[in-house]
Amino acid sequence: MSKTILSVDDSPSIRQMVSFTLKGAGYAVVEASDGQDGLNKAKSGTFSLILTDQNMPKMDGITLIKSLRAMPQYKSVPILMLTTESGEAMKVQGRAAGATGWLVKPFDPAKLLEVVKKVIG
């Protein structure tokens, strides 16, 4: 069975690029359009990895990560931030919330796959 990844981003073009890249490597992908949508989808399924943007309407990425980490099924699931935010202070906040890693947009598809393979195989 392929591993399922939840991709949370308010940009349809980024979600499309992430999905295309990950599906091409054999992963199943579920898309969410903002943090609240991502949290709802996370509650209704089980994911091997969650990729989230930081700046989104309804709920930002760090709030989403904190909410997921509070749920028993997501205590140890890798969560990667995929965002335009590259400042050290934001990265520290992300790590404190429970982010596993950080990728900056625009992302390199090969780099995304390399990181995903590293965290979930």
PDB file of N, CA and C in Angstrom:
ATOM      1  N   MET A   1       0.840  -1.189   0.000  1.00  0.00           N
ATOM      2  CA  MET A   1       0.000   0.000   0.000  1.00  0.00           C
ATOM      3  C   MET A   1       0.882   1.248   0.000  1.00  0.00           C
ATOM      4  N   SER A   2       0.533   2.224  -0.840  1.00  0.00           N
ATOM      5  CA  SER A   2       1.365   3.424  -0.893  1.00  0.00           C
ATOM      6  C   SER A   2       1.101   4.306   0.320  1.00  0.00           C
ATOM      7  N   LYS A   3       2.085   5.108   0.657  1.00  0.00           N
ATOM      8  CA  LYS A   3       1.949   6.016   1.791  1.00  0.00           C
ATOM      9  C   LYS A   3       1.155   7.232   1.349  1.00  0.00           C
ATOM     10  N   THR A   4       0.304   7.720   2.256  1.00  0.00           N
ATOM     11  CA  THR A   4      -0.561   8.847   1.936  1.00  0.00           C
ATOM     12  C   THR A   4      -0.055  10.106   2.619  1.00  0.00           C
ATOM     13  N   ILE A   5       0.019  11.172   1.834  1.00  0.00           N
ATOM     14  CA  ILE A   5       0.539  12.452   2.302  1.00  0.00           C
ATOM     15  C   ILE A   5      -0.575  13.487   2.228  1.00  0.00           C
ATOM     16  N   LEU A   6      -0.706  14.286   3.296  1.00  0.00           N
ATOM     17  CA  LEU A   6      -1.664  15.392   3.309  1.00  0.00           C
ATOM     18  C   LEU A   6      -0.903  16.665   2.955  1.00  0.00           C
ATOM     19  N   SER A   7      -1.346  17.333   1.893  1.00  0.00           N
ATOM     20  CA  SER A   7      -0.717  18.576   1.442  1.00  0.00           C
ATOM     21  C   SER A   7      -1.666  19.738   1.738  1.00  0.00           C
ATOM     22  N   VAL A   8      -1.227  20.649   2.615  1.00  0.00           N
ATOM     23  CA  VAL A   8      -2.072  21.768   3.048  1.00  0.00           C
ATOM     24  C   VAL A   8      -1.463  23.085   2.558  1.00  0.00           C
ATOM     25  N   ASP A   9      -2.168  23.747   1.635  1.00  0.00           N
ATOM     26  CA  ASP A   9      -1.674  25.024   1.103  1.00  0.00           C
ATOM     27  C   ASP A   9      -2.849  25.772   0.502  1.00  0.00           C
ATOM     28  N   ASP A  10      -2.895  27.090   0.703  1.00  0.00           N
ATOM     29  CA  ASP A  10      -4.002  27.869   0.142  1.00  0.00           C
ATOM     30  C   ASP A  10      -3.791  28.211  -1.332  1.00  0.00           C
ATOM     31  N   SER A  11      -2.626  27.882  -1.869  1.00  0.00           N
ATOM     32  CA  SER A  11      -2.360  28.147  -3.288  1.00  0.00           C
ATOM     33  C   SER A  11      -2.656  26.899  -4.120  1.00  0.00           C
ATOM     34  N   PRO A  12      -3.686  26.973  -4.987  1.00  0.00           N
ATOM     35  CA  PRO A  12      -4.007  25.811  -5.822  1.00  0.00           C
ATOM     36  C   PRO A  12      -2.823  25.357  -6.682  1.00  0.00           C
ATOM     37  N   SER A  13      -2.020  26.315  -7.192  1.00  0.00           N
ATOM     38  CA  SER A  13      -0.897  25.930  -8.059  1.00  0.00           C
ATOM     39  C   SER A  13       0.179  25.181  -7.268  1.00  0.00           C
ATOM     40  N   ILE A  14       0.430  25.584  -6.024  1.00  0.00           N
ATOM     41  CA  ILE A  14       1.412  24.874  -5.196  1.00  0.00           C
ATOM     42  C   ILE A  14       0.892  23.472  -4.876  1.00  0.00           C
ATOM     43  N   ARG A  15      -0.397  23.368  -4.481  1.00  0.00           N
ATOM     44  CA  ARG A  15      -0.976  22.041  -4.196  1.00  0.00           C
ATOM     45  C   ARG A  15      -0.858  21.133  -5.407  1.00  0.00           C
ATOM     46  N   GLN A  16      -1.124  21.699  -6.586  1.00  0.00           N
ATOM     47  CA  GLN A  16      -1.061  20.924  -7.826  1.00  0.00           C
ATOM     48  C   GLN A  16       0.376  20.442  -8.090  1.00  0.00           C
ATOM     49  N   MET A  17       1.345  21.331  -7.898  1.00  0.00           N
ATOM     50  CA  MET A  17       2.750  20.960  -8.118  1.00  0.00           C
ATOM     51  C   MET A  17       3.212  19.898  -7.125  1.00  0.00           C
ATOM     52  N   VAL A  18       2.841  20.068  -5.848  1.00  0.00           N
ATOM     53  CA  VAL A  18       3.209  19.096  -4.810  1.00  0.00           C
ATOM     54  C   VAL A  18       2.581  17.735  -5.142  1.00  0.00           C
ATOM     55  N   SER A  19       1.288  17.734  -5.470  1.00  0.00           N
ATOM     56  CA  SER A  19       0.592  16.489  -5.796  1.00  0.00           C
ATOM     57  C   SER A  19       1.226  15.792  -6.994  1.00  0.00           C
ATOM     58  N   PHE A  20       1.480  16.558  -8.038  1.00  0.00           N
ATOM     59  CA  PHE A  20       2.077  16.008  -9.251  1.00  0.00           C
ATOM     60  C   PHE A  20       3.426  15.358  -8.935  1.00  0.00           C
ATOM     61  N   THR A  21       4.249  16.054  -8.154  1.00  0.00           N
ATOM     62  CA  THR A  21       5.581  15.552  -7.793  1.00  0.00           C
ATOM     63  C   THR A  21       5.483  14.274  -6.963  1.00  0.00           C
ATOM     64  N   LEU A  22       4.637  14.298  -5.932  1.00  0.00           N
ATOM     65  CA  LEU A  22       4.538  13.149  -5.029  1.00  0.00           C
ATOM     66  C   LEU A  22       3.843  11.953  -5.668  1.00  0.00           C
ATOM     67  N   LYS A  23       2.775  12.203  -6.439  1.00  0.00           N
ATOM     68  CA  LYS A  23       2.073  11.102  -7.107  1.00  0.00           C
ATOM     69  C   LYS A  23       2.987  10.432  -8.122  1.00  0.00           C
ATOM     70  N   GLY A  24       3.821  11.245  -8.783  1.00  0.00           N
ATOM     71  CA  GLY A  24       4.773  10.706  -9.752  1.00  0.00           C
ATOM     72  C   GLY A  24       5.782   9.762  -9.111  1.00  0.00           C
ATOM     73  N   ALA A  25       6.000   9.917  -7.807  1.00  0.00           N
ATOM     74  CA  ALA A  25       6.938   9.060  -7.075  1.00  0.00           C
ATOM     75  C   ALA A  25       6.207   7.912  -6.366  1.00  0.00           C
ATOM     76  N   GLY A  26       4.894   7.792  -6.617  1.00  0.00           N
ATOM     77  CA  GLY A  26       4.152   6.664  -6.069  1.00  0.00           C
ATOM     78  C   GLY A  26       3.409   6.902  -4.763  1.00  0.00           C
ATOM     79  N   TYR A  27       3.388   8.139  -4.283  1.00  0.00           N
ATOM     80  CA  TYR A  27       2.662   8.437  -3.049  1.00  0.00           C
ATOM     81  C   TYR A  27       1.209   8.800  -3.376  1.00  0.00           C
ATOM     82  N   ALA A  28       0.314   8.530  -2.440  1.00  0.00           N
ATOM     83  CA  ALA A  28      -1.073   8.995  -2.556  1.00  0.00           C
ATOM     84  C   ALA A  28      -1.108  10.371  -1.887  1.00  0.00           C
ATOM     85  N   VAL A  29      -1.888  11.301  -2.440  1.00  0.00           N
ATOM     86  CA  VAL A  29      -1.921  12.668  -1.907  1.00  0.00           C
ATOM     87  C   VAL A  29      -3.363  13.114  -1.691  1.00  0.00           C
ATOM     88  N   VAL A  30      -3.611  13.703  -0.516  1.00  0.00           N
ATOM     89  CA  VAL A  30      -4.894  14.339  -0.222  1.00  0.00           C
ATOM     90  C   VAL A  30      -4.576  15.819  -0.060  1.00  0.00           C
ATOM     91  N   GLU A  31      -5.366  16.678  -0.713  1.00  0.00           N
ATOM     92  CA  GLU A  31      -5.115  18.116  -0.659  1.00  0.00           C
ATOM     93  C   GLU A  31      -6.097  18.821   0.268  1.00  0.00           C
ATOM     94  N   ALA A  32      -5.601  19.841   0.969  1.00  0.00           N
ATOM     95  CA  ALA A  32      -6.442  20.688   1.810  1.00  0.00           C
ATOM     96  C   ALA A  32      -6.124  22.143   1.474  1.00  0.00           C
ATOM     97  N   SER A  33      -7.156  23.007   1.454  1.00  0.00           N
ATOM     98  CA  SER A  33      -6.992  24.375   0.969  1.00  0.00           C
ATOM     99  C   SER A  33      -6.606  25.396   2.044  1.00  0.00           C
ATOM    100  N   ASP A  34      -6.633  25.006   3.322  1.00  0.00           N
ATOM    101  CA  ASP A  34      -6.171  25.890   4.394  1.00  0.00           C
ATOM    102  C   ASP A  34      -5.988  25.045   5.653  1.00  0.00           C
ATOM    103  N   GLY A  35      -5.507  25.671   6.721  1.00  0.00           N
ATOM    104  CA  GLY A  35      -5.211  24.931   7.936  1.00  0.00           C
ATOM    105  C   GLY A  35      -6.418  24.232   8.539  1.00  0.00           C
ATOM    106  N   GLN A  36      -7.571  24.898   8.529  1.00  0.00           N
ATOM    107  CA  GLN A  36      -8.785  24.289   9.099  1.00  0.00           C
ATOM    108  C   GLN A  36      -9.208  23.077   8.281  1.00  0.00           C
ATOM    109  N   ASP A  37      -9.170  23.208   6.951  1.00  0.00           N
ATOM    110  CA  ASP A  37      -9.491  22.099   6.051  1.00  0.00           C
ATOM    111  C   ASP A  37      -8.507  20.946   6.287  1.00  0.00           C
ATOM    112  N   GLY A  38      -7.231  21.296   6.462  1.00  0.00           N
ATOM    113  CA  GLY A  38      -6.205  20.282   6.727  1.00  0.00           C
ATOM    114  C   GLY A  38      -6.463  19.537   8.020  1.00  0.00           C
ATOM    115  N   LEU A  39      -6.830  20.267   9.065  1.00  0.00           N
ATOM    116  CA  LEU A  39      -7.111  19.651  10.362  1.00  0.00           C
ATOM    117  C   LEU A  39      -8.321  18.719  10.246  1.00  0.00           C
ATOM    118  N   ASN A  40      -9.371  19.162   9.549  1.00  0.00           N
ATOM    119  CA  ASN A  40     -10.565  18.328   9.353  1.00  0.00           C
ATOM    120  C   ASN A  40     -10.211  17.038   8.613  1.00  0.00           C
ATOM    121  N   LYS A  41      -9.397  17.148   7.564  1.00  0.00           N
ATOM    122  CA  LYS A  41      -9.009  15.961   6.791  1.00  0.00           C
ATOM    123  C   LYS A  41      -8.110  15.049   7.608  1.00  0.00           C
ATOM    124  N   ALA A  42      -7.232  15.636   8.425  1.00  0.00           N
ATOM    125  CA  ALA A  42      -6.341  14.837   9.277  1.00  0.00           C
ATOM    126  C   ALA A  42      -7.152  14.032  10.289  1.00  0.00           C
ATOM    127  N   LYS A  43      -8.251  14.619  10.784  1.00  0.00           N
ATOM    128  CA  LYS A  43      -9.102  13.927  11.755  1.00  0.00           C
ATOM    129  C   LYS A  43      -9.840  12.759  11.116  1.00  0.00           C
ATOM    130  N   SER A  44     -10.119  12.860   9.815  1.00  0.00           N
ATOM    131  CA  SER A  44     -10.918  11.820   9.157  1.00  0.00           C
ATOM    132  C   SER A  44     -10.083  10.748   8.475  1.00  0.00           C
ATOM    133  N   GLY A  45      -8.768  10.857   8.523  1.00  0.00           N
ATOM    134  CA  GLY A  45      -7.920   9.855   7.881  1.00  0.00           C
ATOM    135  C   GLY A  45      -6.633   9.673   8.654  1.00  0.00           C
ATOM    136  N   THR A  46      -5.762   8.831   8.118  1.00  0.00           N
ATOM    137  CA  THR A  46      -4.448   8.660   8.728  1.00  0.00           C
ATOM    138  C   THR A  46      -3.416   8.911   7.642  1.00  0.00           C
ATOM    139  N   PHE A  47      -2.429   9.731   7.952  1.00  0.00           N
ATOM    140  CA  PHE A  47      -1.433  10.108   6.960  1.00  0.00           C
ATOM    141  C   PHE A  47      -0.039   9.733   7.420  1.00  0.00           C
ATOM    142  N   SER A  48       0.825   9.402   6.466  1.00  0.00           N
ATOM    143  CA  SER A  48       2.221   9.057   6.759  1.00  0.00           C
ATOM    144  C   SER A  48       3.064  10.310   6.945  1.00  0.00           C
ATOM    145  N   LEU A  49       2.599  11.421   6.325  1.00  0.00           N
ATOM    146  CA  LEU A  49       3.338  12.685   6.341  1.00  0.00           C
ATOM    147  C   LEU A  49       2.358  13.819   6.086  1.00  0.00           C
ATOM    148  N   ILE A  50       2.624  14.966   6.702  1.00  0.00           N
ATOM    149  CA  ILE A  50       1.819  16.154   6.432  1.00  0.00           C
ATOM    150  C   ILE A  50       2.766  17.272   5.987  1.00  0.00           C
ATOM    151  N   LEU A  51       2.417  17.889   4.860  1.00  0.00           N
ATOM    152  CA  LEU A  51       3.157  19.048   4.336  1.00  0.00           C
ATOM    153  C   LEU A  51       2.244  20.243   4.519  1.00  0.00           C
ATOM    154  N   THR A  52       2.716  21.296   5.155  1.00  0.00           N
ATOM    155  CA  THR A  52       1.851  22.467   5.334  1.00  0.00           C
ATOM    156  C   THR A  52       2.567  23.778   5.055  1.00  0.00           C
ATOM    157  N   ASP A  53       1.800  24.700   4.494  1.00  0.00           N
ATOM    158  CA  ASP A  53       2.248  26.073   4.309  1.00  0.00           C
ATOM    159  C   ASP A  53       2.137  26.768   5.670  1.00  0.00           C
ATOM    160  N   GLN A  54       2.724  27.936   5.822  1.00  0.00           N
ATOM    161  CA  GLN A  54       2.576  28.710   7.055  1.00  0.00           C
ATOM    162  C   GLN A  54       1.455  29.733   6.929  1.00  0.00           C
ATOM    163  N   ASN A  55       1.525  30.598   5.922  1.00  0.00           N
ATOM    164  CA  ASN A  55       0.581  31.706   5.800  1.00  0.00           C
ATOM    165  C   ASN A  55      -0.658  31.302   5.004  1.00  0.00           C
ATOM    166  N   MET A  56      -1.750  31.013   5.742  1.00  0.00           N
ATOM    167  CA  MET A  56      -3.004  30.587   5.109  1.00  0.00           C
ATOM    168  C   MET A  56      -4.180  31.219   5.844  1.00  0.00           C
ATOM    169  N   PRO A  57      -5.323  31.371   5.148  1.00  0.00           N
ATOM    170  CA  PRO A  57      -6.519  31.864   5.834  1.00  0.00           C
ATOM    171  C   PRO A  57      -7.066  30.789   6.790  1.00  0.00           C
ATOM    172  N   LYS A  58      -7.915  31.186   7.702  1.00  0.00           N
ATOM    173  CA  LYS A  58      -8.607  30.329   8.677  1.00  0.00           C
ATOM    174  C   LYS A  58      -7.701  29.753   9.760  1.00  0.00           C
ATOM    175  N   MET A  59      -6.544  29.180   9.389  1.00  0.00           N
ATOM    176  CA  MET A  59      -5.604  28.657  10.375  1.00  0.00           C
ATOM    177  C   MET A  59      -4.222  28.588   9.736  1.00  0.00           C
ATOM    178  N   ASP A  60      -3.212  29.166  10.409  1.00  0.00           N
ATOM    179  CA  ASP A  60      -1.863  29.126   9.843  1.00  0.00           C
ATOM    180  C   ASP A  60      -1.190  27.775  10.119  1.00  0.00           C
ATOM    181  N   GLY A  61      -0.047  27.571   9.504  1.00  0.00           N
ATOM    182  CA  GLY A  61       0.656  26.296   9.606  1.00  0.00           C
ATOM    183  C   GLY A  61       1.100  25.935  11.011  1.00  0.00           C
ATOM    184  N   ILE A  62       1.587  26.909  11.759  1.00  0.00           N
ATOM    185  CA  ILE A  62       2.072  26.618  13.113  1.00  0.00           C
ATOM    186  C   ILE A  62       0.910  26.227  14.027  1.00  0.00           C
ATOM    187  N   THR A  63      -0.228  26.901  13.889  1.00  0.00           N
ATOM    188  CA  THR A  63      -1.414  26.522  14.666  1.00  0.00           C
ATOM    189  C   THR A  63      -1.869  25.119  14.269  1.00  0.00           C
ATOM    190  N   LEU A  64      -1.823  24.817  12.971  1.00  0.00           N
ATOM    191  CA  LEU A  64      -2.182  23.480  12.489  1.00  0.00           C
ATOM    192  C   LEU A  64      -1.266  22.419  13.111  1.00  0.00           C
ATOM    193  N   ILE A  65       0.039  22.677  13.098  1.00  0.00           N
ATOM    194  CA  ILE A  65       0.996  21.714  13.658  1.00  0.00           C
ATOM    195  C   ILE A  65       0.711  21.475  15.147  1.00  0.00           C
ATOM    196  N   LYS A  66       0.490  22.554  15.896  1.00  0.00           N
ATOM    197  CA  LYS A  66       0.178  22.406  17.334  1.00  0.00           C
ATOM    198  C   LYS A  66      -1.081  21.568  17.523  1.00  0.00           C
ATOM    199  N   SER A  67      -2.102  21.821  16.699  1.00  0.00           N
ATOM    200  CA  SER A  67      -3.363  21.072  16.794  1.00  0.00           C
ATOM    201  C   SER A  67      -3.149  19.590  16.477  1.00  0.00           C
ATOM    202  N   LEU A  68      -2.340  19.321  15.449  1.00  0.00           N
ATOM    203  CA  LEU A  68      -2.059  17.921  15.079  1.00  0.00           C
ATOM    204  C   LEU A  68      -1.249  17.214  16.160  1.00  0.00           C
ATOM    205  N   ARG A  69      -0.251  17.892  16.689  1.00  0.00           N
ATOM    206  CA  ARG A  69       0.601  17.280  17.720  1.00  0.00           C
ATOM    207  C   ARG A  69      -0.178  16.973  18.998  1.00  0.00           C
ATOM    208  N   ALA A  70      -1.306  17.646  19.202  1.00  0.00           N
ATOM    209  CA  ALA A  70      -2.149  17.387  20.373  1.00  0.00           C
ATOM    210  C   ALA A  70      -2.986  16.112  20.196  1.00  0.00           C
ATOM    211  N   MET A  71      -3.051  15.599  18.958  1.00  0.00           N
ATOM    212  CA  MET A  71      -3.829  14.386  18.672  1.00  0.00           C
ATOM    213  C   MET A  71      -2.908  13.166  18.758  1.00  0.00           C
ATOM    214  N   PRO A  72      -3.326  12.121  19.506  1.00  0.00           N
ATOM    215  CA  PRO A  72      -2.461  10.941  19.687  1.00  0.00           C
ATOM    216  C   PRO A  72      -1.936  10.342  18.374  1.00  0.00           C
ATOM    217  N   GLN A  73      -2.767  10.281  17.330  1.00  0.00           N
ATOM    218  CA  GLN A  73      -2.330   9.645  16.076  1.00  0.00           C
ATOM    219  C   GLN A  73      -1.298  10.463  15.299  1.00  0.00           C
ATOM    220  N   TYR A  74      -1.089  11.730  15.692  1.00  0.00           N
ATOM    221  CA  TYR A  74      -0.115  12.567  14.979  1.00  0.00           C
ATOM    222  C   TYR A  74       1.074  12.979  15.845  1.00  0.00           C
ATOM    223  N   LYS A  75       1.229  12.358  17.006  1.00  0.00           N
ATOM    224  CA  LYS A  75       2.355  12.689  17.890  1.00  0.00           C
ATOM    225  C   LYS A  75       3.705  12.464  17.203  1.00  0.00           C
ATOM    226  N   SER A  76       3.808  11.372  16.408  1.00  0.00           N
ATOM    227  CA  SER A  76       5.101  11.052  15.802  1.00  0.00           C
ATOM    228  C   SER A  76       5.100  11.058  14.272  1.00  0.00           C
ATOM    229  N   VAL A  77       4.011  11.523  13.665  1.00  0.00           N
ATOM    230  CA  VAL A  77       3.952  11.618  12.197  1.00  0.00           C
ATOM    231  C   VAL A  77       4.800  12.813  11.754  1.00  0.00           C
ATOM    232  N   PRO A  78       5.676  12.624  10.756  1.00  0.00           N
ATOM    233  CA  PRO A  78       6.482  13.763  10.284  1.00  0.00           C
ATOM    234  C   PRO A  78       5.597  14.873   9.705  1.00  0.00           C
ATOM    235  N   ILE A  79       5.910  16.117  10.065  1.00  0.00           N
ATOM    236  CA  ILE A  79       5.201  17.278   9.528  1.00  0.00           C
ATOM    237  C   ILE A  79       6.256  18.239   8.981  1.00  0.00           C
ATOM    238  N   LEU A  80       6.168  18.516   7.679  1.00  0.00           N
ATOM    239  CA  LEU A  80       7.115  19.420   7.037  1.00  0.00           C
ATOM    240  C   LEU A  80       6.438  20.738   6.686  1.00  0.00           C
ATOM    241  N   MET A  81       7.113  21.834   6.976  1.00  0.00           N
ATOM    242  CA  MET A  81       6.639  23.153   6.557  1.00  0.00           C
ATOM    243  C   MET A  81       7.163  23.393   5.138  1.00  0.00           C
ATOM    244  N   LEU A  82       6.270  23.784   4.247  1.00  0.00           N
ATOM    245  CA  LEU A  82       6.646  24.151   2.879  1.00  0.00           C
ATOM    246  C   LEU A  82       6.120  25.564   2.694  1.00  0.00           C
ATOM    247  N   THR A  83       7.007  26.552   2.831  1.00  0.00           N
ATOM    248  CA  THR A  83       6.549  27.938   2.935  1.00  0.00           C
ATOM    249  C   THR A  83       7.545  28.922   2.326  1.00  0.00           C
ATOM    250  N   THR A  84       7.087  30.138   2.093  1.00  0.00           N
ATOM    251  CA  THR A  84       7.988  31.199   1.629  1.00  0.00           C
ATOM    252  C   THR A  84       8.771  31.774   2.803  1.00  0.00           C
ATOM    253  N   GLU A  85       8.334  31.474   4.029  1.00  0.00           N
ATOM    254  CA  GLU A  85       9.001  31.979   5.235  1.00  0.00           C
ATOM    255  C   GLU A  85      10.346  31.284   5.410  1.00  0.00           C
ATOM    256  N   SER A  86      11.423  32.048   5.462  1.00  0.00           N
ATOM    257  CA  SER A  86      12.729  31.420   5.632  1.00  0.00           C
ATOM    258  C   SER A  86      13.503  31.997   6.812  1.00  0.00           C
ATOM    259  N   GLY A  87      12.859  32.884   7.564  1.00  0.00           N
ATOM    260  CA  GLY A  87      13.523  33.512   8.710  1.00  0.00           C
ATOM    261  C   GLY A  87      13.779  32.532   9.846  1.00  0.00           C
ATOM    262  N   GLU A  88      14.876  32.723  10.539  1.00  0.00           N
ATOM    263  CA  GLU A  88      15.255  31.830  11.637  1.00  0.00           C
ATOM    264  C   GLU A  88      14.207  31.833  12.754  1.00  0.00           C
ATOM    265  N   ALA A  89      13.642  33.004  13.070  1.00  0.00           N
ATOM    266  CA  ALA A  89      12.633  33.085  14.136  1.00  0.00           C
ATOM    267  C   ALA A  89      11.414  32.222  13.803  1.00  0.00           C
ATOM    268  N   MET A  90      11.005  32.240  12.540  1.00  0.00           N
ATOM    269  CA  MET A  90       9.858  31.433  12.118  1.00  0.00           C
ATOM    270  C   MET A  90      10.197  29.943  12.199  1.00  0.00           C
ATOM    271  N   LYS A  91      11.426  29.585  11.827  1.00  0.00           N
ATOM    272  CA  LYS A  91      11.850  28.184  11.904  1.00  0.00           C
ATOM    273  C   LYS A  91      11.861  27.699  13.355  1.00  0.00           C
ATOM    274  N   VAL A  92      12.317  28.562  14.251  1.00  0.00           N
ATOM    275  CA  VAL A  92      12.335  28.217  15.679  1.00  0.00           C
ATOM    276  C   VAL A  92      10.902  27.983  16.164  1.00  0.00           C
ATOM    277  N   GLN A  93       9.981  28.865  15.760  1.00  0.00           N
ATOM    278  CA  GLN A  93       8.570  28.695  16.116  1.00  0.00           C
ATOM    279  C   GLN A  93       8.024  27.380  15.563  1.00  0.00           C
ATOM    280  N   GLY A  94       8.382  27.081  14.330  1.00  0.00           N
ATOM    281  CA  GLY A  94       7.934  25.836  13.694  1.00  0.00           C
ATOM    282  C   GLY A  94       8.435  24.610  14.434  1.00  0.00           C
ATOM    283  N   ARG A  95       9.726  24.618  14.784  1.00  0.00           N
ATOM    284  CA  ARG A  95      10.295  23.482  15.523  1.00  0.00           C
ATOM    285  C   ARG A  95       9.639  23.354  16.886  1.00  0.00           C
ATOM    286  N   ALA A  96       9.415  24.483  17.562  1.00  0.00           N
ATOM    287  CA  ALA A  96       8.776  24.472  18.882  1.00  0.00           C
ATOM    288  C   ALA A  96       7.356  23.905  18.798  1.00  0.00           C
ATOM    289  N   ALA A  97       6.666  24.163  17.685  1.00  0.00           N
ATOM    290  CA  ALA A  97       5.305  23.651  17.499  1.00  0.00           C
ATOM    291  C   ALA A  97       5.308  22.160  17.199  1.00  0.00           C
ATOM    292  N   GLY A  98       6.448  21.655  16.694  1.00  0.00           N
ATOM    293  CA  GLY A  98       6.540  20.227  16.392  1.00  0.00           C
ATOM    294  C   GLY A  98       6.847  19.889  14.947  1.00  0.00           C
ATOM    295  N   ALA A  99       7.250  20.894  14.151  1.00  0.00           N
ATOM    296  CA  ALA A  99       7.600  20.617  12.745  1.00  0.00           C
ATOM    297  C   ALA A  99       8.850  19.738  12.684  1.00  0.00           C
ATOM    298  N   THR A 100       8.830  18.778  11.783  1.00  0.00           N
ATOM    299  CA  THR A 100       9.955  17.865  11.596  1.00  0.00           C
ATOM    300  C   THR A 100      11.038  18.513  10.745  1.00  0.00           C
ATOM    301  N   GLY A 101      10.610  19.316   9.753  1.00  0.00           N
ATOM    302  CA  GLY A 101      11.565  19.931   8.840  1.00  0.00           C
ATOM    303  C   GLY A 101      10.954  21.120   8.132  1.00  0.00           C
ATOM    304  N   TRP A 102      11.761  21.754   7.277  1.00  0.00           N
ATOM    305  CA  TRP A 102      11.396  23.028   6.661  1.00  0.00           C
ATOM    306  C   TRP A 102      11.876  23.065   5.224  1.00  0.00           C
ATOM    307  N   LEU A 103      10.989  23.357   4.299  1.00  0.00           N
ATOM    308  CA  LEU A 103      11.356  23.541   2.894  1.00  0.00           C
ATOM    309  C   LEU A 103      10.859  24.920   2.466  1.00  0.00           C
ATOM    310  N   VAL A 104      11.679  25.640   1.712  1.00  0.00           N
ATOM    311  CA  VAL A 104      11.302  26.992   1.292  1.00  0.00           C
ATOM    312  C   VAL A 104      10.789  26.971  -0.151  1.00  0.00           C
ATOM    313  N   LYS A 105       9.687  27.702  -0.384  1.00  0.00           N
ATOM    314  CA  LYS A 105       9.143  27.867  -1.741  1.00  0.00           C
ATOM    315  C   LYS A 105       9.884  28.999  -2.418  1.00  0.00           C
ATOM    316  N   PRO A 106      10.031  28.978  -3.725  1.00  0.00           N
ATOM    317  CA  PRO A 106       9.607  27.869  -4.584  1.00  0.00           C
ATOM    318  C   PRO A 106      10.493  26.651  -4.339  1.00  0.00           C
ATOM    319  N   PHE A 107       9.875  25.472  -4.340  1.00  0.00           N
ATOM    320  CA  PHE A 107      10.635  24.274  -4.017  1.00  0.00           C
ATOM    321  C   PHE A 107      11.131  23.559  -5.268  1.00  0.00           C
ATOM    322  N   ASP A 108      12.200  22.818  -5.103  1.00  0.00           N
ATOM    323  CA  ASP A 108      12.750  21.993  -6.164  1.00  0.00           C
ATOM    324  C   ASP A 108      12.116  20.609  -6.000  1.00  0.00           C
ATOM    325  N   PRO A 109      11.367  20.112  -7.014  1.00  0.00           N
ATOM    326  CA  PRO A 109      10.705  18.817  -6.881  1.00  0.00           C
ATOM    327  C   PRO A 109      11.647  17.678  -6.439  1.00  0.00           C
ATOM    328  N   ALA A 110      12.865  17.659  -6.958  1.00  0.00           N
ATOM    329  CA  ALA A 110      13.821  16.614  -6.574  1.00  0.00           C
ATOM    330  C   ALA A 110      14.172  16.716  -5.090  1.00  0.00           C
ATOM    331  N   LYS A 111      14.326  17.939  -4.597  1.00  0.00           N
ATOM    332  CA  LYS A 111      14.638  18.167  -3.186  1.00  0.00           C
ATOM    333  C   LYS A 111      13.451  17.745  -2.310  1.00  0.00           C
ATOM    334  N   LEU A 112      12.235  18.080  -2.748  1.00  0.00           N
ATOM    335  CA  LEU A 112      11.033  17.676  -2.011  1.00  0.00           C
ATOM    336  C   LEU A 112      10.997  16.151  -1.867  1.00  0.00           C
ATOM    337  N   LEU A 113      11.210  15.451  -2.971  1.00  0.00           N
ATOM    338  CA  LEU A 113      11.188  13.977  -2.929  1.00  0.00           C
ATOM    339  C   LEU A 113      12.294  13.424  -2.049  1.00  0.00           C
ATOM    340  N   GLU A 114      13.456  14.042  -2.108  1.00  0.00           N
ATOM    341  CA  GLU A 114      14.600  13.606  -1.277  1.00  0.00           C
ATOM    342  C   GLU A 114      14.233  13.706   0.205  1.00  0.00           C
ATOM    343  N   VAL A 115      13.632  14.825   0.598  1.00  0.00           N
ATOM    344  CA  VAL A 115      13.253  15.033   2.008  1.00  0.00           C
ATOM    345  C   VAL A 115      12.136  14.084   2.406  1.00  0.00           C
ATOM    346  N   VAL A 116      11.132  13.929   1.544  1.00  0.00           N
ATOM    347  CA  VAL A 116      10.009  13.023   1.841  1.00  0.00           C
ATOM    348  C   VAL A 116      10.524  11.591   2.015  1.00  0.00           C
ATOM    349  N   LYS A 117      11.398  11.152   1.110  1.00  0.00           N
ATOM    350  CA  LYS A 117      11.965   9.793   1.218  1.00  0.00           C
ATOM    351  C   LYS A 117      12.732   9.625   2.522  1.00  0.00           C
ATOM    352  N   LYS A 118      13.452  10.690   2.913  1.00  0.00           N
ATOM    353  CA  LYS A 118      14.236  10.633   4.138  1.00  0.00           C
ATOM    354  C   LYS A 118      13.348  10.465   5.366  1.00  0.00           C
ATOM    355  N   VAL A 119      12.191  11.146   5.395  1.00  0.00           N
ATOM    356  CA  VAL A 119      11.346  11.087   6.590  1.00  0.00           C
ATOM    357  C   VAL A 119      10.324   9.955   6.605  1.00  0.00           C
ATOM    358  N   ILE A 120       9.873   9.463   5.436  1.00  0.00           N
ATOM    359  CA  ILE A 120       8.907   8.363   5.471  1.00  0.00           C
ATOM    360  C   ILE A 120       9.290   7.165   4.604  1.00  0.00           C
ATOM    361  N   GLY A 121      10.403   7.247   3.888  1.00  0.00           N
ATOM    362  CA  GLY A 121      10.861   6.096   3.106  1.00  0.00           C
ATOM    363  C   GLY A 121      10.157   5.936   1.774  1.00  0.00           C
TER     364      GLY A 121
END
